[in-house]
PDB file of N, CA and C in Angstrom:
ATOM      1  N   UNK A   1      99.151  92.311  96.642  1.00  0.00           N
ATOM      2  CA  UNK A   1      98.201  92.479  97.394  1.00  0.00           C
ATOM      3  C   UNK A   1      96.704  92.712  96.521  1.00  0.00           C
ATOM      4  N   UNK A   2      95.588  93.203  97.150  1.00  0.00           N
ATOM      5  CA  UNK A   2      94.335  92.963  96.507  1.00  0.00           C
ATOM      6  C   UNK A   2      93.552  94.356  96.492  1.00  0.00           C
ATOM      7  N   UNK A   3      92.806  94.477  95.390  1.00  0.00           N
ATOM      8  CA  UNK A   3      91.611  95.544  95.240  1.00  0.00           C
ATOM      9  C   UNK A   3      90.428  95.200  95.632  1.00  0.00           C
ATOM     10  N   UNK A   4      89.535  96.417  96.203  1.00  0.00           N
ATOM     11  CA  UNK A   4      87.962  96.050  96.046  1.00  0.00           C
ATOM     12  C   UNK A   4      87.155  97.287  95.477  1.00  0.00           C
ATOM     13  N   UNK A   5      86.500  96.828  94.495  1.00  0.00           N
ATOM     14  CA  UNK A   5      85.247  97.438  93.903  1.00  0.00           C
ATOM     15  C   UNK A   5      84.428  98.089  94.728  1.00  0.00           C
ATOM     16  N   UNK A   6      84.349  99.137  95.064  1.00  0.00           N
ATOM     17  CA  UNK A   6      83.418  99.609  96.144  1.00  0.00           C
ATOM     18  C   UNK A   6      82.576 100.851  95.453  1.00  0.00           C
ATOM     19  N   UNK A   7      81.049 100.482  95.827  1.00  0.00           N
ATOM     20  CA  UNK A   7      79.957 101.100  95.437  1.00  0.00           C
ATOM     21  C   UNK A   7      79.859 102.307  96.018  1.00  0.00           C
ATOM     22  N   UNK A   8      79.956 103.307  95.566  1.00  0.00           N
ATOM     23  CA  UNK A   8      79.335 104.771  96.302  1.00  0.00           C
ATOM     24  C   UNK A   8      78.617 105.674  95.728  1.00  0.00           C
ATOM     25  N   UNK A   9      77.695 106.221  96.488  1.00  0.00           N
ATOM     26  CA  UNK A   9      76.673 107.225  96.107  1.00  0.00           C
ATOM     27  C   UNK A   9      77.372 108.348  95.500  1.00  0.00           C
ATOM     28  N   UNK A  10      77.042 108.632  94.358  1.00  0.00           N
ATOM     29  CA  UNK A  10      77.679 109.960  93.323  1.00  0.00           C
ATOM     30  C   UNK A  10      77.908 111.065  94.120  1.00  0.00           C
ATOM     31  N   UNK A  11      77.034 111.335  95.157  1.00  0.00           N
ATOM     32  CA  UNK A  11      76.927 112.583  96.148  1.00  0.00           C
ATOM     33  C   UNK A  11      78.473 112.361  96.719  1.00  0.00           C
ATOM     34  N   UNK A  12      78.869 111.659  97.603  1.00  0.00           N
ATOM     35  CA  UNK A  12      79.663 111.147  98.371  1.00  0.00           C
ATOM     36  C   UNK A  12      81.163 111.298  97.445  1.00  0.00           C
ATOM     37  N   UNK A  13      80.944 110.496  95.910  1.00  0.00           N
ATOM     38  CA  UNK A  13      81.798 110.407  95.180  1.00  0.00           C
ATOM     39  C   UNK A  13      82.658 111.704  94.985  1.00  0.00           C
ATOM     40  N   UNK A  14      81.753 112.652  94.699  1.00  0.00           N
ATOM     41  CA  UNK A  14      82.213 114.029  94.200  1.00  0.00           C
ATOM     42  C   UNK A  14      82.937 114.574  95.645  1.00  0.00           C
ATOM     43  N   UNK A  15      82.401 114.255  96.530  1.00  0.00           N
ATOM     44  CA  UNK A  15      83.151 114.768  97.898  1.00  0.00           C
ATOM     45  C   UNK A  15      84.653 113.847  98.149  1.00  0.00           C
ATOM     46  N   UNK A  16      84.718 112.884  97.768  1.00  0.00           N
ATOM     47  CA  UNK A  16      86.014 112.264  97.642  1.00  0.00           C
ATOM     48  C   UNK A  16      86.841 113.052  96.574  1.00  0.00           C
ATOM     49  N   UNK A  17      86.207 113.201  95.556  1.00  0.00           N
ATOM     50  CA  UNK A  17      87.449 113.823  94.506  1.00  0.00           C
ATOM     51  C   UNK A  17      87.645 114.984  94.816  1.00  0.00           C
ATOM     52  N   UNK A  18      86.909 115.811  95.299  1.00  0.00           N
ATOM     53  CA  UNK A  18      87.331 117.296  95.911  1.00  0.00           C
ATOM     54  C   UNK A  18      88.119 117.400  97.071  1.00  0.00           C
ATOM     55  N   UNK A  19      88.409 116.357  97.677  1.00  0.00           N
ATOM     56  CA  UNK A  19      89.225 115.837  98.753  1.00  0.00           C
ATOM     57  C   UNK A  19      88.582 116.578 100.278  1.00  0.00           C
ATOM     58  N   UNK A  20      87.141 116.659 100.236  1.00  0.00           N
ATOM     59  CA  UNK A  20      86.491 117.163 101.381  1.00  0.00           C
ATOM     60  C   UNK A  20      85.996 115.775 102.251  1.00  0.00           C
ATOM     61  N   UNK A  21      86.211 114.425 101.504  1.00  0.00           N
ATOM     62  CA  UNK A  21      85.831 113.459 102.777  1.00  0.00           C
ATOM     63  C   UNK A  21      87.044 112.340 102.187  1.00  0.00           C
ATOM     64  N   UNK A  22      87.858 111.999 103.157  1.00  0.00           N
ATOM     65  CA  UNK A  22      88.842 110.990 103.120  1.00  0.00           C
ATOM     66  C   UNK A  22      88.616 109.662 103.698  1.00  0.00           C
ATOM     67  N   UNK A  23      87.371 109.663 104.451  1.00  0.00           N
ATOM     68  CA  UNK A  23      87.116 108.449 105.174  1.00  0.00           C
ATOM     69  C   UNK A  23      85.984 107.968 104.334  1.00  0.00           C
ATOM     70  N   UNK A  24      85.719 106.706 104.008  1.00  0.00           N
ATOM     71  CA  UNK A  24      84.790 105.787 103.746  1.00  0.00           C
ATOM     72  C   UNK A  24      84.361 104.801 104.433  1.00  0.00           C
ATOM     73  N   UNK A  25      82.935 104.680 104.982  1.00  0.00           N
ATOM     74  CA  UNK A  25      82.555 104.079 105.975  1.00  0.00           C
ATOM     75  C   UNK A  25      81.689 102.963 105.579  1.00  0.00           C
ATOM     76  N   UNK A  26      81.906 101.765 106.391  1.00  0.00           N
ATOM     77  CA  UNK A  26      81.130 100.653 105.938  1.00  0.00           C
ATOM     78  C   UNK A  26      81.045  99.861 107.075  1.00  0.00           C
ATOM     79  N   UNK A  27      80.133  99.020 107.271  1.00  0.00           N
ATOM     80  CA  UNK A  27      79.563  98.143 108.110  1.00  0.00           C
ATOM     81  C   UNK A  27      80.418  97.064 108.493  1.00  0.00           C
ATOM     82  N   UNK A  28      81.048  96.367 107.437  1.00  0.00           N
ATOM     83  CA  UNK A  28      81.931  95.367 107.396  1.00  0.00           C
ATOM     84  C   UNK A  28      83.158  95.577 106.991  1.00  0.00           C
ATOM     85  N   UNK A  29      84.420  94.973 107.776  1.00  0.00           N
ATOM     86  CA  UNK A  29      85.927  95.471 107.568  1.00  0.00           C
ATOM     87  C   UNK A  29      86.000  94.312 106.138  1.00  0.00           C
ATOM     88  N   UNK A  30      86.767  94.840 105.301  1.00  0.00           N
ATOM     89  CA  UNK A  30      87.278  93.895 104.137  1.00  0.00           C
ATOM     90  C   UNK A  30      88.699  92.984 104.570  1.00  0.00           C
ATOM     91  N   UNK A  31      88.842  92.262 103.945  1.00  0.00           N
ATOM     92  CA  UNK A  31      90.000  91.543 104.134  1.00  0.00           C
ATOM     93  C   UNK A  31      91.133  92.178 104.500  1.00  0.00           C
ATOM     94  N   UNK A  32      92.095  91.457 105.029  1.00  0.00           N
ATOM     95  CA  UNK A  32      93.632  92.273 105.697  1.00  0.00           C
ATOM     96  C   UNK A  32      94.248  92.782 104.397  1.00  0.00           C
ATOM     97  N   UNK A  33      94.293  91.736 103.123  1.00  0.00           N
ATOM     98  CA  UNK A  33      94.912  92.257 101.876  1.00  0.00           C
ATOM     99  C   UNK A  33      94.654  93.409 101.032  1.00  0.00           C
ATOM    100  N   UNK A  34      93.609  93.811 101.369  1.00  0.00           N
ATOM    101  CA  UNK A  34      93.124  94.971 100.453  1.00  0.00           C
ATOM    102  C   UNK A  34      93.908  96.352 100.642  1.00  0.00           C
ATOM    103  N   UNK A  35      94.505  96.669  99.547  1.00  0.00           N
ATOM    104  CA  UNK A  35      95.216  97.803  99.604  1.00  0.00           C
ATOM    105  C   UNK A  35      94.777  98.854  98.937  1.00  0.00           C
ATOM    106  N   UNK A  36      93.966  98.708  98.132  1.00  0.00           N
ATOM    107  CA  UNK A  36      93.541  99.672  96.902  1.00  0.00           C
ATOM    108  C   UNK A  36      91.863  99.550  97.031  1.00  0.00           C
ATOM    109  N   UNK A  37      91.103 100.793  96.862  1.00  0.00           N
ATOM    110  CA  UNK A  37      89.881 100.839  96.467  1.00  0.00           C
ATOM    111  C   UNK A  37      89.531 101.700  95.211  1.00  0.00           C
ATOM    112  N   UNK A  38      89.108 100.922  94.166  1.00  0.00           N
ATOM    113  CA  UNK A  38      88.544 101.224  93.026  1.00  0.00           C
ATOM    114  C   UNK A  38      87.058 102.099  93.244  1.00  0.00           C
ATOM    115  N   UNK A  39      86.799 103.007  92.998  1.00  0.00           N
ATOM    116  CA  UNK A  39      85.860 103.926  93.157  1.00  0.00           C
ATOM    117  C   UNK A  39      84.776 103.758  92.030  1.00  0.00           C
ATOM    118  N   UNK A  40      83.342 103.433  92.453  1.00  0.00           N
ATOM    119  CA  UNK A  40      82.481 103.272  91.499  1.00  0.00           C
ATOM    120  C   UNK A  40      81.286 104.183  91.852  1.00  0.00           C
ATOM    121  N   UNK A  41      81.197 105.210  91.285  1.00  0.00           N
ATOM    122  CA  UNK A  41      79.679 106.041  91.537  1.00  0.00           C
ATOM    123  C   UNK A  41      78.467 105.508  91.228  1.00  0.00           C
ATOM    124  N   UNK A  42      77.243 105.026  92.150  1.00  0.00           N
ATOM    125  CA  UNK A  42      76.559 104.260  91.728  1.00  0.00           C
ATOM    126  C   UNK A  42      75.698 105.236  90.877  1.00  0.00           C
ATOM    127  N   UNK A  43      74.263 104.573  90.293  1.00  0.00           N
ATOM    128  CA  UNK A  43      73.591 105.145  89.607  1.00  0.00           C
ATOM    129  C   UNK A  43      73.003 106.876  89.845  1.00  0.00           C
ATOM    130  N   UNK A  44      72.676 107.979  89.481  1.00  0.00           N
ATOM    131  CA  UNK A  44      72.663 107.574  87.869  1.00  0.00           C
ATOM    132  C   UNK A  44      74.192 107.443  87.138  1.00  0.00           C
ATOM    133  N   UNK A  45      75.161 107.772  87.760  1.00  0.00           N
ATOM    134  CA  UNK A  45      76.594 107.846  87.061  1.00  0.00           C
ATOM    135  C   UNK A  45      76.803 106.530  86.204  1.00  0.00           C
ATOM    136  N   UNK A  46      76.920 105.756  87.376  1.00  0.00           N
ATOM    137  CA  UNK A  46      77.480 104.286  86.942  1.00  0.00           C
ATOM    138  C   UNK A  46      78.656 104.174  86.048  1.00  0.00           C
ATOM    139  N   UNK A  47      79.645 104.640  86.793  1.00  0.00           N
ATOM    140  CA  UNK A  47      81.025 104.904  86.113  1.00  0.00           C
ATOM    141  C   UNK A  47      82.021 104.564  87.517  1.00  0.00           C
ATOM    142  N   UNK A  48      83.366 103.980  86.942  1.00  0.00           N
ATOM    143  CA  UNK A  48      84.465 103.945  87.799  1.00  0.00           C
ATOM    144  C   UNK A  48      85.170 104.825  87.504  1.00  0.00           C
ATOM    145  N   UNK A  49      85.410 105.913  88.351  1.00  0.00           N
ATOM    146  CA  UNK A  49      85.864 107.367  88.494  1.00  0.00           C
ATOM    147  C   UNK A  49      87.301 107.460  89.016  1.00  0.00           C
ATOM    148  N   UNK A  50      87.643 106.472  89.660  1.00  0.00           N
ATOM    149  CA  UNK A  50      89.161 106.582  90.185  1.00  0.00           C
ATOM    150  C   UNK A  50      89.510 105.705  91.001  1.00  0.00           C
ATOM    151  N   UNK A  51      90.611 105.775  91.775  1.00  0.00           N
ATOM    152  CA  UNK A  51      91.167 104.708  92.637  1.00  0.00           C
ATOM    153  C   UNK A  51      91.584 105.469  93.824  1.00  0.00           C
ATOM    154  N   UNK A  52      92.004 104.804  95.152  1.00  0.00           N
ATOM    155  CA  UNK A  52      92.590 105.290  96.071  1.00  0.00           C
ATOM    156  C   UNK A  52      93.283 104.218  96.771  1.00  0.00           C
ATOM    157  N   UNK A  53      94.367 104.289  97.580  1.00  0.00           N
ATOM    158  CA  UNK A  53      94.999 103.458  98.560  1.00  0.00           C
ATOM    159  C   UNK A  53      94.510 103.573  99.895  1.00  0.00           C
ATOM    160  N   UNK A  54      94.495 102.569 100.250  1.00  0.00           N
ATOM    161  CA  UNK A  54      94.008 102.515 101.900  1.00  0.00           C
ATOM    162  C   UNK A  54      95.187 103.004 102.740  1.00  0.00           C
ATOM    163  N   UNK A  55      95.167 104.290 103.544  1.00  0.00           N
ATOM    164  CA  UNK A  55      96.164 104.497 104.419  1.00  0.00           C
ATOM    165  C   UNK A  55      95.970 103.836 105.705  1.00  0.00           C
ATOM    166  N   UNK A  56      94.617 103.748 106.018  1.00  0.00           N
ATOM    167  CA  UNK A  56      94.407 103.101 107.232  1.00  0.00           C
ATOM    168  C   UNK A  56      92.987 102.545 107.495  1.00  0.00           C
ATOM    169  N   UNK A  57      92.907 101.616 108.402  1.00  0.00           N
ATOM    170  CA  UNK A  57      91.327 101.051 108.399  1.00  0.00           C
ATOM    171  C   UNK A  57      91.093 101.242 110.142  1.00  0.00           C
ATOM    172  N   UNK A  58      89.887 102.298 110.375  1.00  0.00           N
ATOM    173  CA  UNK A  58      89.532 102.347 111.594  1.00  0.00           C
ATOM    174  C   UNK A  58      88.186 101.397 112.006  1.00  0.00           C
ATOM    175  N   UNK A  59      88.363 100.479 113.147  1.00  0.00           N
ATOM    176  CA  UNK A  59      87.402  99.846 113.153  1.00  0.00           C
ATOM    177  C   UNK A  59      87.029  99.807 114.909  1.00  0.00           C
ATOM    178  N   UNK A  60      86.091 100.351 115.402  1.00  0.00           N
ATOM    179  CA  UNK A  60      85.861 100.489 116.504  1.00  0.00           C
ATOM    180  C   UNK A  60      84.424 101.020 116.994  1.00  0.00           C
ATOM    181  N   UNK A  61      84.194 101.196 118.216  1.00  0.00           N
ATOM    182  CA  UNK A  61      82.836 101.548 118.659  1.00  0.00           C
ATOM    183  C   UNK A  61      82.264 103.214 117.820  1.00  0.00           C
ATOM    184  N   UNK A  62      80.965 103.192 118.061  1.00  0.00           N
ATOM    185  CA  UNK A  62      80.688 104.438 116.836  1.00  0.00           C
ATOM    186  C   UNK A  62      81.366 105.451 117.355  1.00  0.00           C
ATOM    187  N   UNK A  63      81.471 106.136 118.630  1.00  0.00           N
ATOM    188  CA  UNK A  63      81.594 107.101 119.005  1.00  0.00           C
ATOM    189  C   UNK A  63      83.246 107.855 118.637  1.00  0.00           C
ATOM    190  N   UNK A  64      83.898 106.777 119.006  1.00  0.00           N
ATOM    191  CA  UNK A  64      85.597 106.630 118.917  1.00  0.00           C
ATOM    192  C   UNK A  64      85.712 107.027 117.213  1.00  0.00           C
ATOM    193  N   UNK A  65      85.086 106.270 116.448  1.00  0.00           N
ATOM    194  CA  UNK A  65      85.490 106.340 115.121  1.00  0.00           C
ATOM    195  C   UNK A  65      84.788 107.799 114.511  1.00  0.00           C
ATOM    196  N   UNK A  66      83.651 108.252 114.886  1.00  0.00           N
ATOM    197  CA  UNK A  66      83.202 109.588 114.667  1.00  0.00           C
ATOM    198  C   UNK A  66      84.271 110.669 114.885  1.00  0.00           C
ATOM    199  N   UNK A  67      84.938 110.204 116.114  1.00  0.00           N
ATOM    200  CA  UNK A  67      85.568 111.720 116.614  1.00  0.00           C
ATOM    201  C   UNK A  67      86.914 111.638 115.985  1.00  0.00           C
ATOM    202  N   UNK A  68      87.371 110.324 115.543  1.00  0.00           N
ATOM    203  CA  UNK A  68      88.669 110.783 114.717  1.00  0.00           C
ATOM    204  C   UNK A  68      88.188 111.023 113.298  1.00  0.00           C
ATOM    205  N   UNK A  69      87.295 110.482 112.768  1.00  0.00           N
ATOM    206  CA  UNK A  69      87.268 110.919 111.185  1.00  0.00           C
ATOM    207  C   UNK A  69      85.963 112.233 110.908  1.00  0.00           C
ATOM    208  N   UNK A  70      85.593 112.718 111.946  1.00  0.00           N
ATOM    209  CA  UNK A  70      84.419 113.485 111.362  1.00  0.00           C
ATOM    210  C   UNK A  70      84.895 114.926 110.765  1.00  0.00           C
ATOM    211  N   UNK A  71      86.210 115.357 110.613  1.00  0.00           N
ATOM    212  CA  UNK A  71      86.688 116.428 109.827  1.00  0.00           C
ATOM    213  C   UNK A  71      86.395 116.307 108.800  1.00  0.00           C
ATOM    214  N   UNK A  72      86.831 115.192 108.399  1.00  0.00           N
ATOM    215  CA  UNK A  72      86.980 114.663 106.950  1.00  0.00           C
ATOM    216  C   UNK A  72      85.936 113.619 106.488  1.00  0.00           C
ATOM    217  N   UNK A  73      84.866 113.588 106.829  1.00  0.00           N
ATOM    218  CA  UNK A  73      83.786 112.754 106.993  1.00  0.00           C
ATOM    219  C   UNK A  73      83.123 112.698 105.709  1.00  0.00           C
ATOM    220  N   UNK A  74      82.952 113.936 105.474  1.00  0.00           N
ATOM    221  CA  UNK A  74      81.912 114.268 104.243  1.00  0.00           C
ATOM    222  C   UNK A  74      80.476 113.878 104.471  1.00  0.00           C
ATOM    223  N   UNK A  75      80.160 113.692 105.693  1.00  0.00           N
ATOM    224  CA  UNK A  75      78.760 113.463 106.387  1.00  0.00           C
ATOM    225  C   UNK A  75      78.500 113.949 107.614  1.00  0.00           C
ATOM    226  N   UNK A  76      77.110 114.171 107.643  1.00  0.00           N
ATOM    227  CA  UNK A  76      76.916 115.005 108.935  1.00  0.00           C
ATOM    228  C   UNK A  76      76.708 113.649 110.134  1.00  0.00           C
ATOM    229  N   UNK A  77      76.830 113.974 111.322  1.00  0.00           N
ATOM    230  CA  UNK A  77      76.796 113.172 112.448  1.00  0.00           C
ATOM    231  C   UNK A  77      75.544 112.200 112.592  1.00  0.00           C
ATOM    232  N   UNK A  78      74.223 113.210 112.123  1.00  0.00           N
ATOM    233  CA  UNK A  78      72.878 112.352 111.898  1.00  0.00           C
ATOM    234  C   UNK A  78      72.969 111.498 110.823  1.00  0.00           C
ATOM    235  N   UNK A  79      73.608 111.793 109.645  1.00  0.00           N
ATOM    236  CA  UNK A  79      73.415 110.511 108.597  1.00  0.00           C
ATOM    237  C   UNK A  79      74.674 109.360 108.973  1.00  0.00           C
ATOM    238  N   UNK A  80      75.568 109.733 109.818  1.00  0.00           N
ATOM    239  CA  UNK A  80      76.642 108.522 110.381  1.00  0.00           C
ATOM    240  C   UNK A  80      75.635 107.781 111.289  1.00  0.00           C
ATOM    241  N   UNK A  81      75.007 108.142 112.628  1.00  0.00           N
ATOM    242  CA  UNK A  81      74.283 107.406 113.211  1.00  0.00           C
ATOM    243  C   UNK A  81      72.950 106.500 112.206  1.00  0.00           C
ATOM    244  N   UNK A  82      72.499 107.224 111.410  1.00  0.00           N
ATOM    245  CA  UNK A  82      71.564 106.447 110.789  1.00  0.00           C
ATOM    246  C   UNK A  82      71.782 105.235 110.136  1.00  0.00           C
ATOM    247  N   UNK A  83      73.175 105.609 109.216  1.00  0.00           N
ATOM    248  CA  UNK A  83      73.829 104.393 108.952  1.00  0.00           C
ATOM    249  C   UNK A  83      74.178 103.172 109.540  1.00  0.00           C
ATOM    250  N   UNK A  84      74.601 103.520 111.117  1.00  0.00           N
ATOM    251  CA  UNK A  84      75.048 102.442 111.492  1.00  0.00           C
ATOM    252  C   UNK A  84      73.903 101.978 112.837  1.00  0.00           C
ATOM    253  N   UNK A  85      72.691 102.490 112.496  1.00  0.00           N
ATOM    254  CA  UNK A  85      71.761 102.513 113.544  1.00  0.00           C
ATOM    255  C   UNK A  85      71.776 100.718 113.953  1.00  0.00           C
ATOM    256  N   UNK A  86      71.388 100.433 115.085  1.00  0.00           N
ATOM    257  CA  UNK A  86      71.721  98.878 115.719  1.00  0.00           C
ATOM    258  C   UNK A  86      72.591  98.626 115.760  1.00  0.00           C
ATOM    259  N   UNK A  87      74.056  99.021 115.370  1.00  0.00           N
ATOM    260  CA  UNK A  87      75.439  98.305 115.248  1.00  0.00           C
ATOM    261  C   UNK A  87      76.192  99.340 116.327  1.00  0.00           C
ATOM    262  N   UNK A  88      76.950  98.399 116.669  1.00  0.00           N
ATOM    263  CA  UNK A  88      78.022  98.688 117.977  1.00  0.00           C
ATOM    264  C   UNK A  88      79.389  99.406 117.477  1.00  0.00           C
ATOM    265  N   UNK A  89      79.998  98.629 116.314  1.00  0.00           N
ATOM    266  CA  UNK A  89      80.962  98.973 115.791  1.00  0.00           C
ATOM    267  C   UNK A  89      80.845  99.515 114.383  1.00  0.00           C
ATOM    268  N   UNK A  90      81.764 100.378 114.270  1.00  0.00           N
ATOM    269  CA  UNK A  90      81.946 101.335 112.691  1.00  0.00           C
ATOM    270  C   UNK A  90      83.154 100.874 111.922  1.00  0.00           C
ATOM    271  N   UNK A  91      83.530 100.782 110.745  1.00  0.00           N
ATOM    272  CA  UNK A  91      84.565 100.964 110.044  1.00  0.00           C
ATOM    273  C   UNK A  91      84.620 102.046 109.084  1.00  0.00           C
ATOM    274  N   UNK A  92      85.983 102.156 109.012  1.00  0.00           N
ATOM    275  CA  UNK A  92      86.333 103.870 108.205  1.00  0.00           C
ATOM    276  C   UNK A  92      87.466 103.471 107.590  1.00  0.00           C
ATOM    277  N   UNK A  93      87.687 103.389 106.112  1.00  0.00           N
ATOM    278  CA  UNK A  93      88.626 103.495 105.427  1.00  0.00           C
ATOM    279  C   UNK A  93      89.091 105.046 105.222  1.00  0.00           C
ATOM    280  N   UNK A  94      90.471 105.346 105.401  1.00  0.00           N
ATOM    281  CA  UNK A  94      90.980 106.271 105.270  1.00  0.00           C
ATOM    282  C   UNK A  94      91.800 106.318 103.782  1.00  0.00           C
ATOM    283  N   UNK A  95      91.458 107.056 103.029  1.00  0.00           N
ATOM    284  CA  UNK A  95      92.045 107.203 101.769  1.00  0.00           C
ATOM    285  C   UNK A  95      93.187 108.094 101.491  1.00  0.00           C
ATOM    286  N   UNK A  96      93.743 107.617 100.973  1.00  0.00           N
ATOM    287  CA  UNK A  96      95.424 108.203 100.320  1.00  0.00           C
ATOM    288  C   UNK A  96      95.588 107.984  99.160  1.00  0.00           C
ATOM    289  N   UNK A  97      96.627 108.940  98.320  1.00  0.00           N
ATOM    290  CA  UNK A  97      96.827 108.947  97.004  1.00  0.00           C
ATOM    291  C   UNK A  97      95.536 108.577  96.180  1.00  0.00           C
ATOM    292  N   UNK A  98      94.800 109.646  96.093  1.00  0.00           N
ATOM    293  CA  UNK A  98      93.846 109.753  95.160  1.00  0.00           C
ATOM    294  C   UNK A  98      94.023 109.787  93.706  1.00  0.00           C
ATOM    295  N   UNK A  99      93.538 108.801  92.732  1.00  0.00           N
ATOM    296  CA  UNK A  99      93.825 109.289  91.352  1.00  0.00           C
ATOM    297  C   UNK A  99      92.667 109.304  90.952  1.00  0.00           C
ATOM    298  N   UNK A 100      92.134 110.586  90.113  1.00  0.00           N
ATOM    299  CA  UNK A 100      91.119 110.445  89.176  1.00  0.00           C
ATOM    300  C   UNK A 100      90.901 110.258  87.887  1.00  0.00           C
ATOM    301  N   UNK A 101      90.358 109.393  87.528  1.00  0.00           N
ATOM    302  CA  UNK A 101      90.551 108.869  85.935  1.00  0.00           C
ATOM    303  C   UNK A 101      90.270 109.620  84.938  1.00  0.00           C
ATOM    304  N   UNK A 102      90.894 110.487  83.847  1.00  0.00           N
ATOM    305  CA  UNK A 102      90.871 111.323  83.062  1.00  0.00           C
ATOM    306  C   UNK A 102      89.639 110.965  82.203  1.00  0.00           C
ATOM    307  N   UNK A 103      89.270 109.478  82.195  1.00  0.00           N
ATOM    308  CA  UNK A 103      88.204 108.657  81.099  1.00  0.00           C
ATOM    309  C   UNK A 103      87.641 107.830  82.249  1.00  0.00           C
ATOM    310  N   UNK A 104      86.463 108.404  82.724  1.00  0.00           N
ATOM    311  CA  UNK A 104      85.756 107.018  83.543  1.00  0.00           C
ATOM    312  C   UNK A 104      85.691 105.905  82.589  1.00  0.00           C
ATOM    313  N   UNK A 105      85.640 104.475  83.665  1.00  0.00           N
ATOM    314  CA  UNK A 105      85.751 103.225  82.905  1.00  0.00           C
ATOM    315  C   UNK A 105      84.262 102.704  83.252  1.00  0.00           C
ATOM    316  N   UNK A 106      83.613 102.078  82.440  1.00  0.00           N
ATOM    317  CA  UNK A 106      82.276 101.172  82.985  1.00  0.00           C
ATOM    318  C   UNK A 106      82.720  99.761  83.462  1.00  0.00           C
ATOM    319  N   UNK A 107      81.821  99.052  84.238  1.00  0.00           N
ATOM    320  CA  UNK A 107      82.389  97.989  84.870  1.00  0.00           C
ATOM    321  C   UNK A 107      82.408  96.774  83.644  1.00  0.00           C
ATOM    322  N   UNK A 108      81.864  96.913  82.445  1.00  0.00           N
ATOM    323  CA  UNK A 108      82.274  95.973  81.695  1.00  0.00           C
ATOM    324  C   UNK A 108      84.014  96.134  81.209  1.00  0.00           C
ATOM    325  N   UNK A 109      84.311  97.335  81.536  1.00  0.00           N
ATOM    326  CA  UNK A 109      85.980  97.761  80.978  1.00  0.00           C
ATOM    327  C   UNK A 109      86.611  97.082  81.799  1.00  0.00           C
ATOM    328  N   UNK A 110      86.261  96.370  83.018  1.00  0.00           N
ATOM    329  CA  UNK A 110      86.957  95.496  84.054  1.00  0.00           C
ATOM    330  C   UNK A 110      86.740  94.221  83.847  1.00  0.00           C
ATOM    331  N   UNK A 111      85.758  93.857  83.419  1.00  0.00           N
ATOM    332  CA  UNK A 111      84.967  92.696  83.300  1.00  0.00           C
ATOM    333  C   UNK A 111      84.222  92.123  84.459  1.00  0.00           C
ATOM    334  N   UNK A 112      83.462  93.001  84.872  1.00  0.00           N
ATOM    335  CA  UNK A 112      82.553  93.106  85.740  1.00  0.00           C
ATOM    336  C   UNK A 112      81.281  93.320  85.360  1.00  0.00           C
ATOM    337  N   UNK A 113      80.053  92.256  85.505  1.00  0.00           N
ATOM    338  CA  UNK A 113      79.104  92.134  84.757  1.00  0.00           C
ATOM    339  C   UNK A 113      77.794  92.898  85.715  1.00  0.00           C
ATOM    340  N   UNK A 114      77.902  93.148  86.970  1.00  0.00           N
ATOM    341  CA  UNK A 114      77.236  94.055  87.763  1.00  0.00           C
ATOM    342  C   UNK A 114      77.674  94.946  88.955  1.00  0.00           C
ATOM    343  N   UNK A 115      76.912  95.869  89.386  1.00  0.00           N
ATOM    344  CA  UNK A 115      77.748  96.731  90.519  1.00  0.00           C
ATOM    345  C   UNK A 115      77.428  95.889  91.710  1.00  0.00           C
ATOM    346  N   UNK A 116      78.588  95.762  92.555  1.00  0.00           N
ATOM    347  CA  UNK A 116      78.382  95.225  93.785  1.00  0.00           C
ATOM    348  C   UNK A 116      77.333  95.900  94.828  1.00  0.00           C
ATOM    349  N   UNK A 117      76.742  95.419  95.737  1.00  0.00           N
ATOM    350  CA  UNK A 117      75.961  95.709  96.562  1.00  0.00           C
ATOM    351  C   UNK A 117      76.960  96.938  97.489  1.00  0.00           C
ATOM    352  N   UNK A 118      77.582  96.345  97.998  1.00  0.00           N
ATOM    353  CA  UNK A 118      78.669  97.400  98.804  1.00  0.00           C
ATOM    354  C   UNK A 118      79.949  97.168  98.170  1.00  0.00           C
ATOM    355  N   UNK A 119      80.566  95.926  98.086  1.00  0.00           N
ATOM    356  CA  UNK A 119      82.220  95.656  97.714  1.00  0.00           C
ATOM    357  C   UNK A 119      82.033  94.624  97.129  1.00  0.00           C
ATOM    358  N   UNK A 120      83.075  94.595  96.122  1.00  0.00           N
ATOM    359  CA  UNK A 120      83.714  93.464  95.524  1.00  0.00           C
ATOM    360  C   UNK A 120      84.963  93.204  95.564  1.00  0.00           C
ATOM    361  N   UNK A 121      85.769  92.088  95.761  1.00  0.00           N
ATOM    362  CA  UNK A 121      86.845  91.867  95.461  1.00  0.00           C
ATOM    363  C   UNK A 121      87.430  91.640  94.039  1.00  0.00           C
ATOM    364  N   UNK A 122      88.489  92.285  93.489  1.00  0.00           N
ATOM    365  CA  UNK A 122      88.950  92.187  92.216  1.00  0.00           C
ATOM    366  C   UNK A 122      90.260  91.736  92.238  1.00  0.00           C
ATOM    367  N   UNK A 123      90.437  90.621  91.500  1.00  0.00           N
ATOM    368  CA  UNK A 123      91.831  89.987  91.298  1.00  0.00           C
ATOM    369  C   UNK A 123      92.516  90.461  90.015  1.00  0.00           C
ATOM    370  N   UNK A 124      92.133  91.469  89.220  1.00  0.00           N
ATOM    371  CA  UNK A 124      92.591  92.287  88.328  1.00  0.00           C
ATOM    372  C   UNK A 124      93.052  93.276  88.522  1.00  0.00           C
ATOM    373  N   UNK A 125      94.271  94.472  87.978  1.00  0.00           N
ATOM    374  CA  UNK A 125      94.498  95.493  88.211  1.00  0.00           C
ATOM    375  C   UNK A 125      93.699  96.065  87.099  1.00  0.00           C
ATOM    376  N   UNK A 126      93.215  97.318  87.530  1.00  0.00           N
ATOM    377  CA  UNK A 126      92.289  98.219  87.146  1.00  0.00           C
ATOM    378  C   UNK A 126      93.458  99.055  86.491  1.00  0.00           C
TER     379      UNK A 126
END
């Protein structure tokens, strides 16, 4: 299977690490063979802080995805609508088996030179 390095705002990373947010939203769906997300907290933190398996990928119209995920979205409905403005479909990755690293990693630690705009597939195990 495959891993993807996901750039996530530090505010949302904290909600994931605290278990308040188990859905990560994206505008595009990843490849079908991705089974693990490596969590990269963007600036100012700039660290890989953990990983999680993908339990499920929801892809549907905006309201359907929101109603299925809102309890553990970690965001407001207004933020959700703003993020998907002009789009008809939403993608939500349901996270499970979260592992928080005792010592966060840098991108260089995993052989990556710069943070991905959204995500990047990884061919090596982290």
